[in-house]
């Protein structure tokens, strides 16, 4: 029996496990196991909807044990050690051997990485963070809301702009907008300007229509909790009453201390196959834990396409060939601004392999109807991957 072990039940791990289950079900002697300390798969694009009260926790998550419907074994445990030289993974409660390993553990959030962050910042970049932000918003009576980015690499690059737009929508519906100022600060000179002018200008138009201020080129240095002020490295400062910002992101600590890791903790990979450069024969690394080293955005859609491609490679290793298409470095996501939405799409071929050029990006659609598609996609996602 061949054993395929998948670490992480997020977008990448879920898609890879179901893809492999479909390939091998009733055909080959293959055991597929997913390990995650979280018993649920959470639809992370919906975290802001939880923060703003559009949805509750159970609306956006499903038990990973439902993977058993595909013939996939799920182990709810915390991974403590990855030992690729021994083809073994240790957890708090056991050990697992494998023939093929897919690591999809993501990047870790580091709330201690910025001085002053833990004291005053909120964020909807996790379910727990979204629930805490919901409580903070219930107590917010008006003032300055500041939304920012801690650096260039954080999950879902469009999210700060979506959060700002949705907040504008919420405050208008609560008759609080005239008492509230909303501002975004970011390292880039314009909103998603690193994705090109087509997307950036569309987002700026939405922000202007909503009266949301954007401050670009702001490289965060520190946060002053007492003065409720953020400071940039070039000496600028912005005051706030409510600060919304993801924590710094860092390599997953289990990967960082493993034989897979490079000098900075991220695991080096081949950008064309996502195979580990240290253990290329049977280890793949996908998702946010891989994209930091190959210039791809940390987004669920990227992890999804990587998972499909890697699952086909694993199937090829087991069956003695390769089945499926090559990896397509495309990313598209629906940006929800509350009462407006856009559907951008980017192609990263020239960007992620050799930095020979910027990503090729455009806006496919903009309308309120696009927002409805985002609601529909969440339903479709669960029906495709975790049906009851």
Protein backbone atom coordinates (compact mmCIF):
# COMPACT_ATOMS: atom_id res chain seq x y z
CA UNK A 1 0.00 0.00 0.00
CA UNK A 2 1.21 3.48 -0.88
CA UNK A 3 0.69 6.11 1.80
CA UNK A 4 0.03 9.75 0.91
CA UNK A 5 0.24 12.09 3.89
CA UNK A 6 -1.13 15.64 3.63
CA UNK A 7 -0.30 18.18 6.32
CA UNK A 8 -2.95 20.86 6.67
CA UNK A 9 -6.67 20.96 5.98
CA UNK A 10 -6.86 24.42 4.42
CA UNK A 11 -7.50 25.13 0.75
CA UNK A 12 -4.41 23.31 -0.53
CA UNK A 13 -4.68 20.25 1.68
CA UNK A 14 -8.40 19.87 1.12
CA UNK A 15 -8.21 20.12 -2.66
CA UNK A 16 -5.20 17.78 -2.90
CA UNK A 17 -6.85 15.12 -0.74
CA UNK A 18 -10.14 15.13 -2.65
CA UNK A 19 -8.37 15.17 -6.01
CA UNK A 20 -6.30 12.14 -5.04
CA UNK A 21 -9.35 10.38 -3.60
CA UNK A 22 -11.18 10.81 -6.90
CA UNK A 23 -8.20 9.45 -8.84
CA UNK A 24 -7.61 6.39 -6.68
CA UNK A 25 -11.03 5.49 -5.33
CA UNK A 26 -11.79 1.82 -6.02
CA UNK A 27 -8.81 1.58 -8.37
CA UNK A 28 -5.54 1.42 -6.44
CA UNK A 29 -4.19 0.42 -3.06
CA UNK A 30 -3.54 3.95 -1.78
CA UNK A 31 -4.12 5.38 1.69
CA UNK A 32 -4.69 9.16 1.91
CA UNK A 33 -4.43 10.87 5.30
CA UNK A 34 -4.90 14.52 6.24
CA UNK A 35 -3.59 15.87 9.57
CA UNK A 36 -4.66 19.20 11.07
CA UNK A 37 -5.04 20.53 14.61
CA UNK A 38 -8.21 22.33 13.54
CA UNK A 39 -11.16 19.91 13.32
CA UNK A 40 -12.78 22.19 10.73
CA UNK A 41 -12.04 23.43 7.25
CA UNK A 42 -12.86 27.14 7.28
CA UNK A 43 -13.77 29.13 4.19
CA UNK A 44 -11.33 31.94 4.87
CA UNK A 45 -12.69 34.50 2.35
CA UNK A 46 -15.77 34.69 4.59
CA UNK A 47 -13.91 35.78 7.73
CA UNK A 48 -14.84 39.46 7.19
CA UNK A 49 -18.51 38.47 6.86
CA UNK A 50 -18.27 36.91 10.33
CA UNK A 51 -16.63 40.05 11.71
CA UNK A 52 -19.39 42.26 10.31
CA UNK A 53 -22.25 39.97 11.35
CA UNK A 54 -23.28 38.79 7.88
CA UNK A 55 -22.49 35.20 8.88
CA UNK A 56 -21.71 33.12 11.98
CA UNK A 57 -18.86 30.69 12.59
CA UNK A 58 -20.71 27.51 11.66
CA UNK A 59 -21.89 29.08 8.41
CA UNK A 60 -18.34 29.17 7.03
CA UNK A 61 -16.84 25.89 8.24
CA UNK A 62 -17.36 22.16 7.88
CA UNK A 63 -15.88 19.21 9.84
CA UNK A 64 -12.79 17.75 8.20
CA UNK A 65 -13.93 14.33 9.34
CA UNK A 66 -16.42 14.55 6.44
CA UNK A 67 -13.43 13.74 4.23
CA UNK A 68 -14.29 10.15 5.12
CA UNK A 69 -17.05 10.43 2.50
CA UNK A 70 -14.22 10.45 -0.07
CA UNK A 71 -12.36 7.60 1.62
CA UNK A 72 -9.81 10.01 3.12
CA UNK A 73 -8.68 9.53 6.71
CA UNK A 74 -8.62 12.66 8.86
CA UNK A 75 -6.48 12.92 11.99
CA UNK A 76 -7.25 15.83 14.33
CA UNK A 77 -3.88 16.36 15.97
CA UNK A 78 -1.08 18.89 16.23
CA UNK A 79 1.97 18.26 14.06
CA UNK A 80 5.18 18.55 16.07
CA UNK A 81 7.95 17.33 13.76
CA UNK A 82 8.54 16.62 10.08
CA UNK A 83 11.34 14.13 9.40
CA UNK A 84 11.70 13.72 5.62
CA UNK A 85 14.99 11.80 5.92
CA UNK A 86 12.99 9.09 7.73
CA UNK A 87 9.75 9.62 5.79
CA UNK A 88 7.97 10.24 9.06
CA UNK A 89 5.79 12.93 10.66
CA UNK A 90 5.28 13.19 14.41
CA UNK A 91 2.23 14.60 16.17
CA UNK A 92 1.43 15.09 19.84
CA UNK A 93 -0.29 11.74 19.91
CA UNK A 94 1.43 9.60 17.33
CA UNK A 95 3.72 9.05 14.35
CA UNK A 96 2.90 8.64 10.68
CA UNK A 97 4.98 7.07 7.92
CA UNK A 98 4.50 8.10 4.33
CA UNK A 99 5.59 7.34 0.80
CA UNK A 100 4.57 10.80 -0.46
CA UNK A 101 4.17 13.98 1.55
CA UNK A 102 2.28 17.19 0.68
CA UNK A 103 2.95 20.06 3.09
CA UNK A 104 0.19 22.67 3.08
CA UNK A 105 0.56 24.22 6.52
CA UNK A 106 0.52 27.84 5.38
CA UNK A 107 2.37 30.72 6.93
CA UNK A 108 2.12 31.51 10.63
CA UNK A 109 0.81 34.78 11.98
CA UNK A 110 3.15 36.58 14.36
CA UNK A 111 1.32 39.09 16.59
CA UNK A 112 4.59 39.71 18.48
CA UNK A 113 6.38 40.77 15.31
CA UNK A 114 5.38 44.45 15.48
CA UNK A 115 5.85 46.42 18.72
CA UNK A 116 2.47 47.45 20.11
CA UNK A 117 0.42 45.23 17.80
CA UNK A 118 -1.07 42.88 20.38
CA UNK A 119 -2.21 45.71 22.61
CA UNK A 120 -4.52 47.48 20.15
CA UNK A 121 -4.87 45.77 16.75
CA UNK A 122 -7.80 43.69 15.52
CA UNK A 123 -8.10 41.64 12.36
CA UNK A 124 -10.44 39.30 10.42
CA UNK A 125 -7.60 37.14 9.04
CA UNK A 126 -8.64 34.21 11.27
CA UNK A 127 -11.96 33.07 12.67
CA UNK A 128 -10.93 33.95 16.22
CA UNK A 129 -9.73 37.35 15.04
CA UNK A 130 -13.01 37.94 13.19
CA UNK A 131 -15.05 37.18 16.30
CA UNK A 132 -12.94 39.55 18.40
CA UNK A 133 -13.27 42.27 15.78
CA UNK A 134 -17.06 41.78 15.85
CA UNK A 135 -17.05 42.55 19.57
CA UNK A 136 -14.85 45.60 19.05
CA UNK A 137 -17.21 46.92 16.37
CA UNK A 138 -20.21 46.47 18.67
CA UNK A 139 -18.53 48.84 21.14
CA UNK A 140 -17.33 51.31 18.50
CA UNK A 141 -19.28 54.55 18.58
CA UNK A 142 -17.45 56.48 15.90
CA UNK A 143 -14.05 57.98 15.22
CA UNK A 144 -11.09 57.03 13.07
CA UNK A 145 -10.85 53.48 11.69
CA UNK A 146 -7.41 52.72 10.30
CA UNK A 147 -6.85 49.64 8.15
CA UNK A 148 -3.33 48.66 7.21
CA UNK A 149 -0.86 46.06 6.03
CA UNK A 150 2.12 45.02 8.17
CA UNK A 151 4.39 44.40 5.18
CA UNK A 152 4.38 43.04 1.65
CA UNK A 153 3.44 39.42 2.49
CA UNK A 154 0.14 38.60 4.19
CA UNK A 155 -2.80 36.34 3.40
CA UNK A 156 -5.21 37.63 0.77
CA UNK A 157 -3.59 40.86 -0.49
CA UNK A 158 -6.93 42.45 -1.52
CA UNK A 159 -8.47 41.96 1.94
CA UNK A 160 -7.63 45.39 3.48
CA UNK A 161 -9.53 47.12 0.69
CA UNK A 162 -12.49 44.76 1.00
CA UNK A 163 -12.57 45.29 4.76
CA UNK A 164 -12.59 49.07 4.28
CA UNK A 165 -15.39 48.93 1.72
CA UNK A 166 -17.50 46.59 3.82
CA UNK A 167 -16.99 48.78 6.88
CA UNK A 168 -18.26 51.77 4.93
CA UNK A 169 -21.35 49.74 4.00
CA UNK A 170 -21.89 48.63 7.63
CA UNK A 171 -21.48 52.12 9.08
CA UNK A 172 -23.87 53.60 6.53
CA UNK A 173 -26.48 50.97 7.37
CA UNK A 174 -26.03 51.76 11.09
CA UNK A 175 -26.25 55.53 10.44
CA UNK A 176 -22.69 55.95 11.78
CA UNK A 177 -20.79 56.88 8.62
CA UNK A 178 -20.94 60.64 9.20
CA UNK A 179 -19.27 60.08 12.58
CA UNK A 180 -16.60 57.74 11.22
CA UNK A 181 -13.45 58.29 9.17
CA UNK A 182 -11.93 55.33 7.30
CA UNK A 183 -8.32 55.30 6.08
CA UNK A 184 -6.08 52.62 4.57
CA UNK A 185 -2.30 52.63 4.70
CA UNK A 186 -0.11 50.33 2.64
CA UNK A 187 3.46 49.80 1.53
CA UNK A 188 2.49 50.05 -2.15
CA UNK A 189 2.05 53.54 -3.67
CA UNK A 190 -1.50 52.74 -4.83
CA UNK A 191 -4.16 50.14 -3.99
CA UNK A 192 -2.75 46.82 -5.29
CA UNK A 193 -0.56 48.90 -7.62
CA UNK A 194 1.88 45.98 -7.81
CA UNK A 195 -0.88 44.17 -9.72
CA UNK A 196 -0.98 46.87 -12.41
CA UNK A 197 -3.02 49.99 -13.23
CA UNK A 198 -6.24 48.26 -14.33
CA UNK A 199 -7.00 46.81 -10.90
CA UNK A 200 -5.47 49.68 -8.92
CA UNK A 201 -7.51 52.38 -10.66
CA UNK A 202 -10.74 50.42 -10.22
CA UNK A 203 -10.15 49.99 -6.49
CA UNK A 204 -9.19 53.65 -6.10
CA UNK A 205 -12.42 54.66 -7.82
CA UNK A 206 -14.42 52.58 -5.34
CA UNK A 207 -12.50 54.02 -2.37
CA UNK A 208 -13.05 57.56 -3.63
CA UNK A 209 -16.77 56.93 -4.12
CA UNK A 210 -16.98 55.73 -0.54
CA UNK A 211 -14.92 58.56 0.93
CA UNK A 212 -12.14 56.24 2.07
CA UNK A 213 -8.67 57.77 2.25
CA UNK A 214 -5.67 55.84 0.96
CA UNK A 215 -2.10 56.53 2.16
CA UNK A 216 0.54 54.73 0.09
CA UNK A 217 4.25 54.11 0.49
CA UNK A 218 3.72 53.69 4.23
CA UNK A 219 6.23 51.13 5.55
CA UNK A 220 5.14 50.33 9.08
CA UNK A 221 7.77 50.67 11.80
CA UNK A 222 5.86 50.47 15.07
CA UNK A 223 2.55 51.04 16.82
CA UNK A 224 2.12 53.31 19.83
CA UNK A 225 -0.73 51.77 21.88
CA UNK A 226 -0.97 54.64 24.35
CA UNK A 227 -1.00 57.35 21.71
CA UNK A 228 -3.06 55.12 19.35
CA UNK A 229 -0.74 55.98 16.49
CA UNK A 230 1.07 54.00 13.80
CA UNK A 231 4.51 55.20 12.73
CA UNK A 232 6.25 54.61 9.40
CA UNK A 233 9.96 54.14 8.83
CA UNK A 234 10.16 57.50 7.04
CA UNK A 235 8.81 59.38 10.07
CA UNK A 236 5.12 59.73 9.17
CA UNK A 237 2.37 58.88 11.65
CA UNK A 238 -1.38 58.25 11.55
CA UNK A 239 -3.71 58.31 14.54
CA UNK A 240 -6.60 55.90 15.02
CA UNK A 241 -9.43 54.94 17.33
CA UNK A 242 -9.77 51.44 15.91
CA UNK A 243 -6.88 49.66 14.16
CA UNK A 244 -7.56 46.74 11.82
CA UNK A 245 -4.49 44.98 10.42
CA UNK A 246 -3.24 41.41 9.97
CA UNK A 247 -0.24 40.34 12.04
CA UNK A 248 3.13 39.87 10.41
CA UNK A 249 3.45 36.52 8.66
CA UNK A 250 6.37 34.16 9.21
CA UNK A 251 7.30 30.58 8.24
CA UNK A 252 5.28 27.85 9.87
CA UNK A 253 7.37 26.91 12.96
CA UNK A 254 7.13 23.15 12.33
CA UNK A 255 8.45 23.60 8.79
CA UNK A 256 11.04 26.18 9.90
CA UNK A 257 12.69 23.73 12.32
CA UNK A 258 12.52 20.78 9.92
CA UNK A 259 14.99 19.41 7.38
CA UNK A 260 12.87 21.02 4.66
CA UNK A 261 13.67 24.60 5.70
CA UNK A 262 16.12 27.07 4.25
CA UNK A 263 18.17 29.67 6.17
CA UNK A 264 15.19 32.00 6.80
CA UNK A 265 12.77 29.25 7.76
CA UNK A 266 10.88 29.08 4.47
CA UNK A 267 11.25 25.79 2.61
CA UNK A 268 12.97 26.16 -0.79
CA UNK A 269 11.01 24.59 -3.64
CA UNK A 270 11.18 24.15 -7.39
CA UNK A 271 8.82 26.84 -8.78
CA UNK A 272 7.65 24.65 -11.66
CA UNK A 273 6.76 21.49 -9.73
CA UNK A 274 6.55 22.69 -6.06
CA UNK A 275 8.80 19.81 -5.07
CA UNK A 276 11.07 20.35 -2.11
CA UNK A 277 14.59 21.16 -3.30
CA UNK A 278 15.95 19.10 -0.42
CA UNK A 279 13.67 16.07 -0.85
CA UNK A 280 12.38 16.34 -4.43
CA UNK A 281 11.57 12.66 -4.92
CA UNK A 282 8.56 12.54 -2.59
CA UNK A 283 7.88 15.89 -0.85
CA UNK A 284 5.83 18.82 -2.20
CA UNK A 285 5.14 22.15 -0.50
CA UNK A 286 2.19 24.30 -1.55
CA UNK A 287 0.19 27.32 -0.40
CA UNK A 288 1.25 30.32 1.65
CA UNK A 289 4.25 28.44 3.05
CA UNK A 290 5.62 28.03 -0.47
CA UNK A 291 4.55 31.20 -2.25
CA UNK A 292 6.76 33.47 -0.16
CA UNK A 293 9.85 32.07 -1.89
CA UNK A 294 8.51 31.99 -5.47
CA UNK A 295 6.80 35.40 -5.77
CA UNK A 296 3.24 34.11 -5.88
CA UNK A 297 0.54 35.78 -3.76
CA UNK A 298 -0.58 34.10 -0.54
CA UNK A 299 -4.12 33.35 -1.68
CA UNK A 300 -6.45 30.38 -1.52
CA UNK A 301 -6.96 30.31 -5.28
CA UNK A 302 -3.21 29.84 -5.82
CA UNK A 303 -3.08 27.02 -3.26
CA UNK A 304 -6.07 25.45 -5.01
CA UNK A 305 -4.36 25.32 -8.42
CA UNK A 306 -1.10 24.13 -6.86
CA UNK A 307 -2.96 21.33 -5.07
CA UNK A 308 -4.58 20.11 -8.29
CA UNK A 309 -1.21 20.06 -10.05
CA UNK A 310 0.66 18.37 -7.20
CA UNK A 311 -2.05 15.74 -6.73
CA UNK A 312 -1.59 14.81 -10.38
CA UNK A 313 2.17 14.52 -9.84
CA UNK A 314 1.66 12.21 -6.86
CA UNK A 315 -0.74 10.10 -8.90
CA UNK A 316 1.86 9.94 -11.64
CA UNK A 317 4.54 8.75 -9.20
CA UNK A 318 2.27 5.96 -8.01
CA UNK A 319 1.00 4.91 -11.42
CA UNK A 320 4.22 5.37 -13.31
CA UNK A 321 3.39 8.38 -15.45
CA UNK A 322 1.89 11.85 -15.25
CA UNK A 323 -1.80 12.60 -15.42
CA UNK A 324 -3.28 16.06 -15.77
CA UNK A 325 -2.44 19.53 -16.96
CA UNK A 326 0.51 21.74 -16.07
CA UNK A 327 0.25 24.38 -13.35
CA UNK A 328 -1.49 27.57 -14.42
CA UNK A 329 -0.21 30.60 -12.47
CA UNK A 330 -3.54 32.40 -12.58
CA UNK A 331 -5.38 34.01 -9.70
CA UNK A 332 -8.84 35.46 -9.56
CA UNK A 333 -10.95 36.48 -6.61
CA UNK A 334 -14.12 38.42 -6.01
CA UNK A 335 -13.44 41.61 -4.08
CA UNK A 336 -16.50 42.46 -1.98
CA UNK A 337 -16.90 46.11 -0.96
CA UNK A 338 -20.34 45.73 0.62
CA UNK A 339 -22.46 47.48 -1.98
CA UNK A 340 -20.01 47.09 -4.84
CA UNK A 341 -17.71 44.33 -6.06
CA UNK A 342 -15.13 43.56 -8.73
CA UNK A 343 -13.76 40.36 -10.23
CA UNK A 344 -10.07 40.82 -11.07
CA UNK A 345 -7.82 38.21 -12.67
CA UNK A 346 -4.02 38.02 -12.83
CA UNK A 347 -1.57 35.80 -14.69
CA UNK A 348 1.84 35.47 -12.98
CA UNK A 349 4.02 33.57 -15.47
CA UNK A 350 6.54 36.35 -16.05
CA UNK A 351 6.55 37.36 -12.41
CA UNK A 352 6.86 34.28 -10.26
CA UNK A 353 9.56 32.33 -12.10
CA UNK A 354 12.19 34.90 -13.03
CA UNK A 355 10.82 38.39 -12.28
CA UNK A 356 11.06 39.18 -16.00
CA UNK A 357 7.92 41.30 -15.87
CA UNK A 358 4.91 42.32 -13.77
CA UNK A 359 1.81 40.14 -13.54
CA UNK A 360 -0.72 40.61 -16.31
CA UNK A 361 -3.94 41.71 -14.60
CA UNK A 362 -7.35 42.99 -15.57
CA UNK A 363 -10.87 43.45 -14.21
CA UNK A 364 -13.40 41.03 -15.65
CA UNK A 365 -16.50 42.57 -14.06
CA UNK A 366 -17.72 45.16 -11.59
CA UNK A 367 -21.24 45.23 -10.16
CA UNK A 368 -23.33 44.35 -7.13
CA UNK A 369 -24.16 41.07 -8.84
CA UNK A 370 -20.50 40.05 -8.60
CA UNK A 371 -20.91 40.07 -4.81
CA UNK A 372 -23.70 37.51 -5.08
CA UNK A 373 -21.29 35.24 -6.94
CA UNK A 374 -19.01 35.26 -3.90
CA UNK A 375 -21.84 34.04 -1.68
CA UNK A 376 -22.64 31.35 -4.25
CA UNK A 377 -19.02 30.23 -4.48
CA UNK A 378 -18.87 29.51 -0.75
CA UNK A 379 -21.88 27.18 -1.11
CA UNK A 380 -20.35 25.57 -4.19
CA UNK A 381 -16.99 25.07 -2.45
CA UNK A 382 -18.46 23.07 0.41
CA UNK A 383 -20.70 21.04 -1.88
CA UNK A 384 -17.68 20.11 -4.05
CA UNK A 385 -15.20 19.23 -1.31
CA UNK A 386 -16.99 18.54 1.97
CA UNK A 387 -20.49 17.29 1.25
CA UNK A 388 -22.24 15.90 4.31
